[in-house]
Amino acid sequence: MMIDNVRVVIGSGPFSAEDAQYYIRQIQKATKLTLKTVRFNRCDSYLDIRCSFESVPFDRIWRIPLTASHEDRAVNK
């Protein structure tokens, strides 16, 4: 279905078009990017919302130095 020029996919669970429209408007308020597709999956205890946008202005690149030894990592302590 289409709501406000956004493709809406309801994966599972009871979910109405009015609910989808409410969440789409909340997402549009929170971002300046053009929303393309929203996927909703409802379970008993949570709602999973996955969004895709028309274009993302850049990709974030993370560079992590590999010089640290295993003893310096907080994960293994």
Protein backbone atom coordinates (compact mmCIF):
# COMPACT_ATOMS: atom_id res chain seq x y z
CA MET A 1 0.00 0.00 0.00
CA MET A 2 1.04 3.62 -0.46
CA ILE A 3 0.68 6.31 2.22
CA ASP A 4 1.89 9.88 1.55
CA ASN A 5 3.99 8.65 -1.44
CA VAL A 6 5.72 6.11 0.82
CA ARG A 7 5.54 2.38 0.11
CA VAL A 8 4.30 0.58 3.24
CA VAL A 9 4.88 -3.11 3.91
CA ILE A 10 3.17 -4.70 6.90
CA GLY A 11 5.01 -7.92 7.64
CA SER A 12 3.20 -9.46 10.58
CA GLY A 13 0.76 -8.72 13.34
CA PRO A 14 -2.35 -6.59 13.42
CA PHE A 15 -1.52 -3.11 12.17
CA SER A 16 -3.85 -0.56 10.59
CA ALA A 17 -3.25 2.04 7.89
CA GLU A 18 -3.93 4.78 10.46
CA ASP A 19 -1.16 3.39 12.68
CA ALA A 20 1.23 3.29 9.72
CA GLN A 21 0.37 6.87 8.77
CA TYR A 22 1.06 8.05 12.34
CA TYR A 23 4.54 6.45 12.40
CA ILE A 24 5.37 7.68 8.89
CA ARG A 25 4.65 11.25 9.94
CA GLN A 26 6.80 10.83 13.06
CA ILE A 27 9.69 9.56 10.92
CA GLN A 28 9.28 12.42 8.45
CA LYS A 29 9.40 14.94 11.31
CA ALA A 30 12.63 13.40 12.61
CA THR A 31 14.59 13.44 9.35
CA LYS A 32 15.13 15.69 6.35
CA LEU A 33 15.68 12.74 4.00
CA THR A 34 12.93 11.60 1.62
CA LEU A 35 11.31 8.43 2.89
CA LYS A 36 10.92 5.71 0.25
CA THR A 37 9.78 2.52 2.02
CA VAL A 38 8.72 1.60 5.56
CA ARG A 39 8.34 -1.97 6.79
CA PHE A 40 6.38 -2.74 9.95
CA ASN A 41 6.57 -6.02 11.89
CA ARG A 42 4.53 -6.18 15.07
CA CYS A 43 5.12 -8.73 17.81
CA ASP A 44 3.56 -9.01 21.25
CA SER A 45 6.11 -6.83 23.02
CA TYR A 46 7.58 -4.55 20.31
CA LEU A 47 7.13 -2.94 16.91
CA ASP A 48 9.97 -3.31 14.41
CA ILE A 49 10.19 -0.40 11.94
CA ARG A 50 12.66 -0.50 9.06
CA CYS A 51 13.03 2.51 6.77
CA SER A 52 14.72 3.12 3.46
CA PHE A 53 15.31 6.57 2.02
CA GLU A 54 15.59 7.96 -1.52
CA SER A 55 19.20 8.99 -1.19
CA VAL A 56 21.64 9.16 1.66
CA PRO A 57 24.08 12.06 1.29
CA PHE A 58 27.13 10.07 2.46
CA ASP A 59 28.28 6.76 3.89
CA ARG A 60 29.90 6.80 7.28
CA ILE A 61 33.33 5.21 7.27
CA TRP A 62 34.74 3.90 10.54
CA ARG A 63 38.49 3.49 10.83
CA ILE A 64 39.67 1.49 13.78
CA PRO A 65 43.37 1.10 14.55
CA LEU A 66 44.50 -2.52 14.55
CA THR A 67 47.60 -1.94 16.66
CA ALA A 68 45.94 -2.72 20.01
CA SER A 69 46.66 -6.12 21.51
CA HIS A 70 43.94 -8.46 22.76
CA GLU A 71 44.69 -7.55 26.39
CA ASP A 72 43.77 -3.89 25.75
CA ARG A 73 40.25 -4.69 24.59
CA ALA A 74 37.47 -4.16 27.10
CA VAL A 75 35.45 -7.03 25.64
CA ASN A 76 37.81 -9.75 26.82
CA LYS A 77 38.35 -8.38 30.35
